PDB file of N, CA and C in Angstrom:
ATOM      1  N   MET A   1    -205.667  56.787 -33.153  1.00  0.00           N
ATOM      2  CA  MET A   1    -204.590  57.021 -32.186  1.00  0.00           C
ATOM      3  C   MET A   1    -203.545  55.893 -32.247  1.00  0.00           C
ATOM      4  N   SER A   2    -203.991  54.659 -32.382  1.00  0.00           N
ATOM      5  CA  SER A   2    -203.045  53.539 -32.425  1.00  0.00           C
ATOM      6  C   SER A   2    -202.164  53.612 -33.678  1.00  0.00           C
ATOM      7  N   ASP A   3    -202.711  54.192 -34.761  1.00  0.00           N
ATOM      8  CA  ASP A   3    -201.931  54.383 -35.984  1.00  0.00           C
ATOM      9  C   ASP A   3    -200.772  55.344 -35.719  1.00  0.00           C
ATOM     10  N   THR A   4    -201.053  56.423 -34.999  1.00  0.00           N
ATOM     11  CA  THR A   4    -200.020  57.398 -34.637  1.00  0.00           C
ATOM     12  C   THR A   4    -198.964  56.743 -33.762  1.00  0.00           C
ATOM     13  N   LEU A   5    -199.410  55.969 -32.788  1.00  0.00           N
ATOM     14  CA  LEU A   5    -198.491  55.274 -31.886  1.00  0.00           C
ATOM     15  C   LEU A   5    -197.618  54.286 -32.661  1.00  0.00           C
ATOM     16  N   GLU A   6    -198.224  53.607 -33.615  1.00  0.00           N
ATOM     17  CA  GLU A   6    -197.486  52.646 -34.436  1.00  0.00           C
ATOM     18  C   GLU A   6    -196.404  53.347 -35.260  1.00  0.00           C
ATOM     19  N   LYS A   7    -196.747  54.496 -35.836  1.00  0.00           N
ATOM     20  CA  LYS A   7    -195.773  55.263 -36.618  1.00  0.00           C
ATOM     21  C   LYS A   7    -194.615  55.733 -35.734  1.00  0.00           C
ATOM     22  N   MET A   8    -194.936  56.181 -34.519  1.00  0.00           N
ATOM     23  CA  MET A   8    -193.884  56.645 -33.606  1.00  0.00           C
ATOM     24  C   MET A   8    -192.969  55.487 -33.218  1.00  0.00           C
ATOM     25  N   GLU A   9    -193.557  54.328 -32.954  1.00  0.00           N
ATOM     26  CA  GLU A   9    -192.762  53.140 -32.616  1.00  0.00           C
ATOM     27  C   GLU A   9    -191.845  52.746 -33.781  1.00  0.00           C
ATOM     28  N   GLN A  10    -192.393  52.826 -34.982  1.00  0.00           N
ATOM     29  CA  GLN A  10    -191.629  52.490 -36.186  1.00  0.00           C
ATOM     30  C   GLN A  10    -190.428  53.440 -36.340  1.00  0.00           C
ATOM     31  N   ALA A  11    -190.677  54.734 -36.172  1.00  0.00           N
ATOM     32  CA  ALA A  11    -189.608  55.731 -36.280  1.00  0.00           C
ATOM     33  C   ALA A  11    -188.567  55.527 -35.183  1.00  0.00           C
ATOM     34  N   MET A  12    -189.027  55.247 -33.958  1.00  0.00           N
ATOM     35  CA  MET A  12    -188.090  55.033 -32.851  1.00  0.00           C
ATOM     36  C   MET A  12    -187.229  53.794 -33.087  1.00  0.00           C
ATOM     37  N   TYR A  13    -187.793  52.769 -33.701  1.00  0.00           N
ATOM     38  CA  TYR A  13    -187.021  51.567 -34.017  1.00  0.00           C
ATOM     39  C   TYR A  13    -185.885  51.906 -34.986  1.00  0.00           C
ATOM     40  N   ILE A  14    -186.204  52.666 -36.017  1.00  0.00           N
ATOM     41  CA  ILE A  14    -185.186  53.077 -37.002  1.00  0.00           C
ATOM     42  C   ILE A  14    -184.107  53.920 -36.324  1.00  0.00           C
ATOM     43  N   LEU A  15    -184.532  54.848 -35.480  1.00  0.00           N
ATOM     44  CA  LEU A  15    -183.579  55.718 -34.781  1.00  0.00           C
ATOM     45  C   LEU A  15    -182.706  54.921 -33.817  1.00  0.00           C
ATOM     46  N   LYS A  16    -183.282  53.885 -33.209  1.00  0.00           N
ATOM     47  CA  LYS A  16    -182.513  53.027 -32.304  1.00  0.00           C
ATOM     48  C   LYS A  16    -181.416  52.292 -33.083  1.00  0.00           C
ATOM     49  N   LEU A  17    -181.753  51.849 -34.300  1.00  0.00           N
ATOM     50  CA  LEU A  17    -180.745  51.194 -35.148  1.00  0.00           C
ATOM     51  C   LEU A  17    -179.591  52.150 -35.438  1.00  0.00           C
ATOM     52  N   ILE A  18    -179.916  53.400 -35.732  1.00  0.00           N
ATOM     53  CA  ILE A  18    -178.877  54.406 -36.005  1.00  0.00           C
ATOM     54  C   ILE A  18    -178.026  54.628 -34.753  1.00  0.00           C
ATOM     55  N   SER A  19    -178.688  54.757 -33.598  1.00  0.00           N
ATOM     56  CA  SER A  19    -177.962  55.061 -32.359  1.00  0.00           C
ATOM     57  C   SER A  19    -177.029  53.933 -31.933  1.00  0.00           C
ATOM     58  N   GLU A  20    -177.295  52.717 -32.392  1.00  0.00           N
ATOM     59  CA  GLU A  20    -176.463  51.565 -32.019  1.00  0.00           C
ATOM     60  C   GLU A  20    -175.447  51.183 -33.096  1.00  0.00           C
ATOM     61  N   ASP A  21    -175.440  51.907 -34.196  1.00  0.00           N
ATOM     62  CA  ASP A  21    -174.541  51.604 -35.319  1.00  0.00           C
ATOM     63  C   ASP A  21    -173.182  52.263 -35.081  1.00  0.00           C
ATOM     64  N   THR A  22    -172.173  51.447 -34.799  1.00  0.00           N
ATOM     65  CA  THR A  22    -170.847  51.992 -34.492  1.00  0.00           C
ATOM     66  C   THR A  22    -170.148  52.574 -35.722  1.00  0.00           C
ATOM     67  N   ALA A  23    -170.659  52.293 -36.918  1.00  0.00           N
ATOM     68  CA  ALA A  23    -170.090  52.876 -38.135  1.00  0.00           C
ATOM     69  C   ALA A  23    -170.590  54.311 -38.353  1.00  0.00           C
ATOM     70  N   THR A  24    -171.550  54.725 -37.547  1.00  0.00           N
ATOM     71  CA  THR A  24    -172.116  56.072 -37.644  1.00  0.00           C
ATOM     72  C   THR A  24    -171.394  56.985 -36.653  1.00  0.00           C
ATOM     73  N   PRO A  25    -171.025  58.187 -37.088  1.00  0.00           N
ATOM     74  CA  PRO A  25    -170.342  59.121 -36.168  1.00  0.00           C
ATOM     75  C   PRO A  25    -171.155  59.398 -34.898  1.00  0.00           C
ATOM     76  N   ARG A  26    -170.439  59.670 -33.832  1.00  0.00           N
ATOM     77  CA  ARG A  26    -171.049  59.847 -32.512  1.00  0.00           C
ATOM     78  C   ARG A  26    -172.093  60.955 -32.480  1.00  0.00           C
ATOM     79  N   ASN A  27    -171.832  62.079 -33.173  1.00  0.00           N
ATOM     80  CA  ASN A  27    -172.795  63.190 -33.127  1.00  0.00           C
ATOM     81  C   ASN A  27    -174.121  62.807 -33.784  1.00  0.00           C
ATOM     82  N   ILE A  28    -174.073  61.950 -34.778  1.00  0.00           N
ATOM     83  CA  ILE A  28    -175.292  61.512 -35.452  1.00  0.00           C
ATOM     84  C   ILE A  28    -176.038  60.503 -34.589  1.00  0.00           C
ATOM     85  N   ARG A  29    -175.310  59.634 -33.920  1.00  0.00           N
ATOM     86  CA  ARG A  29    -175.944  58.691 -32.979  1.00  0.00           C
ATOM     87  C   ARG A  29    -176.592  59.464 -31.831  1.00  0.00           C
ATOM     88  N   ARG A  30    -175.916  60.501 -31.379  1.00  0.00           N
ATOM     89  CA  ARG A  30    -176.452  61.338 -30.296  1.00  0.00           C
ATOM     90  C   ARG A  30    -177.747  62.032 -30.745  1.00  0.00           C
ATOM     91  N   ALA A  31    -177.783  62.509 -31.972  1.00  0.00           N
ATOM     92  CA  ALA A  31    -178.990  63.157 -32.506  1.00  0.00           C
ATOM     93  C   ALA A  31    -180.144  62.157 -32.597  1.00  0.00           C
ATOM     94  N   ALA A  32    -179.847  60.929 -32.954  1.00  0.00           N
ATOM     95  CA  ALA A  32    -180.889  59.898 -33.009  1.00  0.00           C
ATOM     96  C   ALA A  32    -181.474  59.663 -31.620  1.00  0.00           C
ATOM     97  N   ILE A  33    -180.624  59.655 -30.605  1.00  0.00           N
ATOM     98  CA  ILE A  33    -181.085  59.482 -29.225  1.00  0.00           C
ATOM     99  C   ILE A  33    -181.923  60.688 -28.793  1.00  0.00           C
ATOM    100  N   GLN A  34    -181.502  61.894 -29.180  1.00  0.00           N
ATOM    101  CA  GLN A  34    -182.282  63.096 -28.863  1.00  0.00           C
ATOM    102  C   GLN A  34    -183.657  63.036 -29.522  1.00  0.00           C
ATOM    103  N   ALA A  35    -183.715  62.553 -30.740  1.00  0.00           N
ATOM    104  CA  ALA A  35    -184.997  62.438 -31.441  1.00  0.00           C
ATOM    105  C   ALA A  35    -185.897  61.410 -30.750  1.00  0.00           C
ATOM    106  N   ILE A  36    -185.316  60.303 -30.289  1.00  0.00           N
ATOM    107  CA  ILE A  36    -186.092  59.297 -29.548  1.00  0.00           C
ATOM    108  C   ILE A  36    -186.642  59.926 -28.270  1.00  0.00           C
ATOM    109  N   ASP A  37    -185.796  60.674 -27.567  1.00  0.00           N
ATOM    110  CA  ASP A  37    -186.237  61.352 -26.337  1.00  0.00           C
ATOM    111  C   ASP A  37    -187.382  62.318 -26.621  1.00  0.00           C
ATOM    112  N   ALA A  38    -187.299  63.042 -27.739  1.00  0.00           N
ATOM    113  CA  ALA A  38    -188.356  63.985 -28.119  1.00  0.00           C
ATOM    114  C   ALA A  38    -189.669  63.247 -28.366  1.00  0.00           C
ATOM    115  N   LEU A  39    -189.579  62.052 -28.925  1.00  0.00           N
ATOM    116  CA  LEU A  39    -190.788  61.274 -29.209  1.00  0.00           C
ATOM    117  C   LEU A  39    -191.383  60.648 -27.948  1.00  0.00           C
ATOM    118  N   GLN A  40    -190.568  60.447 -26.933  1.00  0.00           N
ATOM    119  CA  GLN A  40    -191.039  59.780 -25.722  1.00  0.00           C
ATOM    120  C   GLN A  40    -191.527  60.735 -24.639  1.00  0.00           C
ATOM    121  N   THR A  41    -191.375  62.046 -24.837  1.00  0.00           N
ATOM    122  CA  THR A  41    -191.812  62.991 -23.820  1.00  0.00           C
ATOM    123  C   THR A  41    -193.333  62.954 -23.660  1.00  0.00           C
ATOM    124  N   ASP A  42    -193.810  63.179 -22.452  1.00  0.00           N
ATOM    125  CA  ASP A  42    -195.253  63.145 -22.184  1.00  0.00           C
ATOM    126  C   ASP A  42    -195.883  64.528 -22.259  1.00  0.00           C
ATOM    127  N   GLU A  43    -195.078  65.547 -22.447  1.00  0.00           N
ATOM    128  CA  GLU A  43    -195.563  66.918 -22.331  1.00  0.00           C
ATOM    129  C   GLU A  43    -196.254  67.449 -23.581  1.00  0.00           C
ATOM    130  N   ASP A  44    -195.995  66.869 -24.747  1.00  0.00           N
ATOM    131  CA  ASP A  44    -196.482  67.439 -25.994  1.00  0.00           C
ATOM    132  C   ASP A  44    -197.440  66.495 -26.713  1.00  0.00           C
ATOM    133  N   SER A  45    -198.157  67.058 -27.686  1.00  0.00           N
ATOM    134  CA  SER A  45    -199.038  66.251 -28.532  1.00  0.00           C
ATOM    135  C   SER A  45    -198.169  65.454 -29.510  1.00  0.00           C
ATOM    136  N   PRO A  46    -198.722  64.412 -30.122  1.00  0.00           N
ATOM    137  CA  PRO A  46    -197.938  63.613 -31.069  1.00  0.00           C
ATOM    138  C   PRO A  46    -197.323  64.431 -32.206  1.00  0.00           C
ATOM    139  N   ALA A  47    -198.062  65.400 -32.738  1.00  0.00           N
ATOM    140  CA  ALA A  47    -197.536  66.202 -33.848  1.00  0.00           C
ATOM    141  C   ALA A  47    -196.359  67.065 -33.398  1.00  0.00           C
ATOM    142  N   VAL A  48    -196.430  67.595 -32.186  1.00  0.00           N
ATOM    143  CA  VAL A  48    -195.332  68.420 -31.660  1.00  0.00           C
ATOM    144  C   VAL A  48    -194.109  67.545 -31.397  1.00  0.00           C
ATOM    145  N   LYS A  49    -194.329  66.362 -30.849  1.00  0.00           N
ATOM    146  CA  LYS A  49    -193.221  65.419 -30.620  1.00  0.00           C
ATOM    147  C   LYS A  49    -192.524  65.098 -31.936  1.00  0.00           C
ATOM    148  N   ALA A  50    -193.337  64.779 -32.958  1.00  0.00           N
ATOM    149  CA  ALA A  50    -192.791  64.432 -34.270  1.00  0.00           C
ATOM    150  C   ALA A  50    -192.030  65.611 -34.860  1.00  0.00           C
ATOM    151  N   SER A  51    -192.583  66.801 -34.723  1.00  0.00           N
ATOM    152  CA  SER A  51    -191.940  68.001 -35.256  1.00  0.00           C
ATOM    153  C   SER A  51    -190.597  68.268 -34.576  1.00  0.00           C
ATOM    154  N   ASN A  52    -190.553  68.098 -33.268  1.00  0.00           N
ATOM    155  CA  ASN A  52    -189.301  68.290 -32.539  1.00  0.00           C
ATOM    156  C   ASN A  52    -188.243  67.271 -32.978  1.00  0.00           C
ATOM    157  N   ALA A  53    -188.660  66.034 -33.158  1.00  0.00           N
ATOM    158  CA  ALA A  53    -187.733  64.993 -33.602  1.00  0.00           C
ATOM    159  C   ALA A  53    -187.236  65.286 -35.020  1.00  0.00           C
ATOM    160  N   ILE A  54    -188.141  65.729 -35.883  1.00  0.00           N
ATOM    161  CA  ILE A  54    -187.771  66.043 -37.263  1.00  0.00           C
ATOM    162  C   ILE A  54    -186.736  67.159 -37.304  1.00  0.00           C
ATOM    163  N   SER A  55    -186.911  68.178 -36.474  1.00  0.00           N
ATOM    164  CA  SER A  55    -185.958  69.296 -36.503  1.00  0.00           C
ATOM    165  C   SER A  55    -184.560  68.844 -36.094  1.00  0.00           C
ATOM    166  N   VAL A  56    -184.465  67.938 -35.129  1.00  0.00           N
ATOM    167  CA  VAL A  56    -183.160  67.395 -34.723  1.00  0.00           C
ATOM    168  C   VAL A  56    -182.553  66.586 -35.872  1.00  0.00           C
ATOM    169  N   LEU A  57    -183.362  65.765 -36.490  1.00  0.00           N
ATOM    170  CA  LEU A  57    -182.873  64.873 -37.545  1.00  0.00           C
ATOM    171  C   LEU A  57    -182.550  65.620 -38.833  1.00  0.00           C
ATOM    172  N   ASP A  58    -183.328  66.644 -39.131  1.00  0.00           N
ATOM    173  CA  ASP A  58    -183.126  67.409 -40.359  1.00  0.00           C
ATOM    174  C   ASP A  58    -181.734  68.046 -40.379  1.00  0.00           C
ATOM    175  N   GLU A  59    -181.361  68.592 -39.243  1.00  0.00           N
ATOM    176  CA  GLU A  59    -180.052  69.252 -39.137  1.00  0.00           C
ATOM    177  C   GLU A  59    -178.913  68.262 -39.336  1.00  0.00           C
ATOM    178  N   VAL A  60    -179.008  67.128 -38.667  1.00  0.00           N
ATOM    179  CA  VAL A  60    -177.911  66.156 -38.709  1.00  0.00           C
ATOM    180  C   VAL A  60    -177.865  65.405 -40.047  1.00  0.00           C
ATOM    181  N   SER A  61    -178.981  65.303 -40.745  1.00  0.00           N
ATOM    182  CA  SER A  61    -178.976  64.589 -42.028  1.00  0.00           C
ATOM    183  C   SER A  61    -178.195  65.347 -43.096  1.00  0.00           C
ATOM    184  N   GLN A  62    -177.953  66.631 -42.854  1.00  0.00           N
ATOM    185  CA  GLN A  62    -177.187  67.430 -43.806  1.00  0.00           C
ATOM    186  C   GLN A  62    -175.693  67.471 -43.468  1.00  0.00           C
ATOM    187  N   ASP A  63    -175.308  66.771 -42.418  1.00  0.00           N
ATOM    188  CA  ASP A  63    -173.905  66.696 -42.012  1.00  0.00           C
ATOM    189  C   ASP A  63    -173.116  65.933 -43.078  1.00  0.00           C
ATOM    190  N   PRO A  64    -172.042  66.533 -43.604  1.00  0.00           N
ATOM    191  CA  PRO A  64    -171.261  65.842 -44.646  1.00  0.00           C
ATOM    192  C   PRO A  64    -170.596  64.560 -44.151  1.00  0.00           C
ATOM    193  N   ASN A  65    -170.435  64.409 -42.837  1.00  0.00           N
ATOM    194  CA  ASN A  65    -169.826  63.193 -42.284  1.00  0.00           C
ATOM    195  C   ASN A  65    -170.831  62.066 -42.081  1.00  0.00           C
ATOM    196  N   CYS A  66    -172.089  62.317 -42.360  1.00  0.00           N
ATOM    197  CA  CYS A  66    -173.126  61.303 -42.176  1.00  0.00           C
ATOM    198  C   CYS A  66    -173.007  60.247 -43.276  1.00  0.00           C
ATOM    199  N   PRO A  67    -172.786  58.979 -42.903  1.00  0.00           N
ATOM    200  CA  PRO A  67    -172.695  57.920 -43.920  1.00  0.00           C
ATOM    201  C   PRO A  67    -174.023  57.773 -44.671  1.00  0.00           C
ATOM    202  N   LEU A  68    -173.933  57.350 -45.900  1.00  0.00           N
ATOM    203  CA  LEU A  68    -175.119  57.248 -46.747  1.00  0.00           C
ATOM    204  C   LEU A  68    -176.174  56.323 -46.149  1.00  0.00           C
ATOM    205  N   HIS A  69    -175.752  55.200 -45.575  1.00  0.00           N
ATOM    206  CA  HIS A  69    -176.745  54.266 -45.006  1.00  0.00           C
ATOM    207  C   HIS A  69    -177.472  54.885 -43.815  1.00  0.00           C
ATOM    208  N   SER A  70    -176.771  55.684 -43.032  1.00  0.00           N
ATOM    209  CA  SER A  70    -177.411  56.357 -41.892  1.00  0.00           C
ATOM    210  C   SER A  70    -178.341  57.461 -42.372  1.00  0.00           C
ATOM    211  N   ARG A  71    -177.894  58.198 -43.368  1.00  0.00           N
ATOM    212  CA  ARG A  71    -178.720  59.282 -43.915  1.00  0.00           C
ATOM    213  C   ARG A  71    -180.027  58.718 -44.475  1.00  0.00           C
ATOM    214  N   THR A  72    -179.948  57.589 -45.147  1.00  0.00           N
ATOM    215  CA  THR A  72    -181.149  56.958 -45.702  1.00  0.00           C
ATOM    216  C   THR A  72    -182.118  56.570 -44.589  1.00  0.00           C
ATOM    217  N   LYS A  73    -181.581  56.017 -43.488  1.00  0.00           N
ATOM    218  CA  LYS A  73    -182.440  55.650 -42.357  1.00  0.00           C
ATOM    219  C   LYS A  73    -183.060  56.892 -41.718  1.00  0.00           C
ATOM    220  N   ILE A  74    -182.278  57.968 -41.613  1.00  0.00           N
ATOM    221  CA  ILE A  74    -182.800  59.217 -41.054  1.00  0.00           C
ATOM    222  C   ILE A  74    -183.949  59.727 -41.917  1.00  0.00           C
ATOM    223  N   TRP A  75    -183.751  59.741 -43.219  1.00  0.00           N
ATOM    224  CA  TRP A  75    -184.812  60.207 -44.123  1.00  0.00           C
ATOM    225  C   TRP A  75    -186.044  59.323 -44.009  1.00  0.00           C
ATOM    226  N   ASN A  76    -185.834  58.036 -43.846  1.00  0.00           N
ATOM    227  CA  ASN A  76    -186.941  57.098 -43.680  1.00  0.00           C
ATOM    228  C   ASN A  76    -187.732  57.440 -42.413  1.00  0.00           C
ATOM    229  N   ALA A  77    -187.027  57.661 -41.306  1.00  0.00           N
ATOM    230  CA  ALA A  77    -187.690  58.019 -40.041  1.00  0.00           C
ATOM    231  C   ALA A  77    -188.427  59.354 -40.179  1.00  0.00           C
ATOM    232  N   VAL A  78    -187.792  60.329 -40.824  1.00  0.00           N
ATOM    233  CA  VAL A  78    -188.414  61.640 -41.004  1.00  0.00           C
ATOM    234  C   VAL A  78    -189.688  61.520 -41.836  1.00  0.00           C
ATOM    235  N   SER A  79    -189.646  60.722 -42.891  1.00  0.00           N
ATOM    236  CA  SER A  79    -190.839  60.584 -43.735  1.00  0.00           C
ATOM    237  C   SER A  79    -191.993  59.944 -42.965  1.00  0.00           C
ATOM    238  N   ILE A  80    -191.688  59.019 -42.069  1.00  0.00           N
ATOM    239  CA  ILE A  80    -192.731  58.435 -41.219  1.00  0.00           C
ATOM    240  C   ILE A  80    -193.271  59.494 -40.258  1.00  0.00           C
ATOM    241  N   LEU A  81    -192.376  60.236 -39.630  1.00  0.00           N
ATOM    242  CA  LEU A  81    -192.790  61.257 -38.650  1.00  0.00           C
ATOM    243  C   LEU A  81    -193.602  62.376 -39.290  1.00  0.00           C
ATOM    244  N   GLU A  82    -193.326  62.689 -40.560  1.00  0.00           N
ATOM    245  CA  GLU A  82    -194.051  63.759 -41.235  1.00  0.00           C
ATOM    246  C   GLU A  82    -195.525  63.431 -41.436  1.00  0.00           C
ATOM    247  N   THR A  83    -195.881  62.153 -41.349  1.00  0.00           N
ATOM    248  CA  THR A  83    -197.285  61.763 -41.527  1.00  0.00           C
ATOM    249  C   THR A  83    -198.094  61.857 -40.237  1.00  0.00           C
ATOM    250  N   ILE A  84    -197.442  62.159 -39.123  1.00  0.00           N
ATOM    251  CA  ILE A  84    -198.139  62.226 -37.834  1.00  0.00           C
ATOM    252  C   ILE A  84    -198.807  63.583 -37.667  1.00  0.00           C
ATOM    253  N   SER A  85    -200.078  63.535 -37.313  1.00  0.00           N
ATOM    254  CA  SER A  85    -200.810  64.776 -37.038  1.00  0.00           C
ATOM    255  C   SER A  85    -201.651  64.589 -35.782  1.00  0.00           C
ATOM    256  N   ASP A  86    -202.205  65.663 -35.272  1.00  0.00           N
ATOM    257  CA  ASP A  86    -203.032  65.593 -34.062  1.00  0.00           C
ATOM    258  C   ASP A  86    -204.503  65.342 -34.374  1.00  0.00           C
ATOM    259  N   GLU A  87    -204.824  65.227 -35.643  1.00  0.00           N
ATOM    260  CA  GLU A  87    -206.224  64.998 -36.024  1.00  0.00           C
ATOM    261  C   GLU A  87    -206.628  63.589 -35.669  1.00  0.00           C
ATOM    262  N   GLU A  88    -207.838  63.444 -35.230  1.00  0.00           N
ATOM    263  CA  GLU A  88    -208.368  62.111 -34.893  1.00  0.00           C
ATOM    264  C   GLU A  88    -209.281  61.629 -35.978  1.00  0.00           C
TER     265      GLU A  88
END
């Protein structure tokens, strides 16, 4: 369980960097905040939280206005989130 929590914290840290980067367009920063919110909800299992965050990030990572450095961070966060499962 602590491994899952660590992965979520790691992904949220990356997303926080994106959300605070003024060189990143506002809609992409907003999506990063939405993904953080999805990860922090208490209503779902870790895998569902990760899946919800991934769906938000997947859409915005294909935005042609997304700077390359932000897109790389998004992909990094998504790859971390993809390893989260509900198995113990």
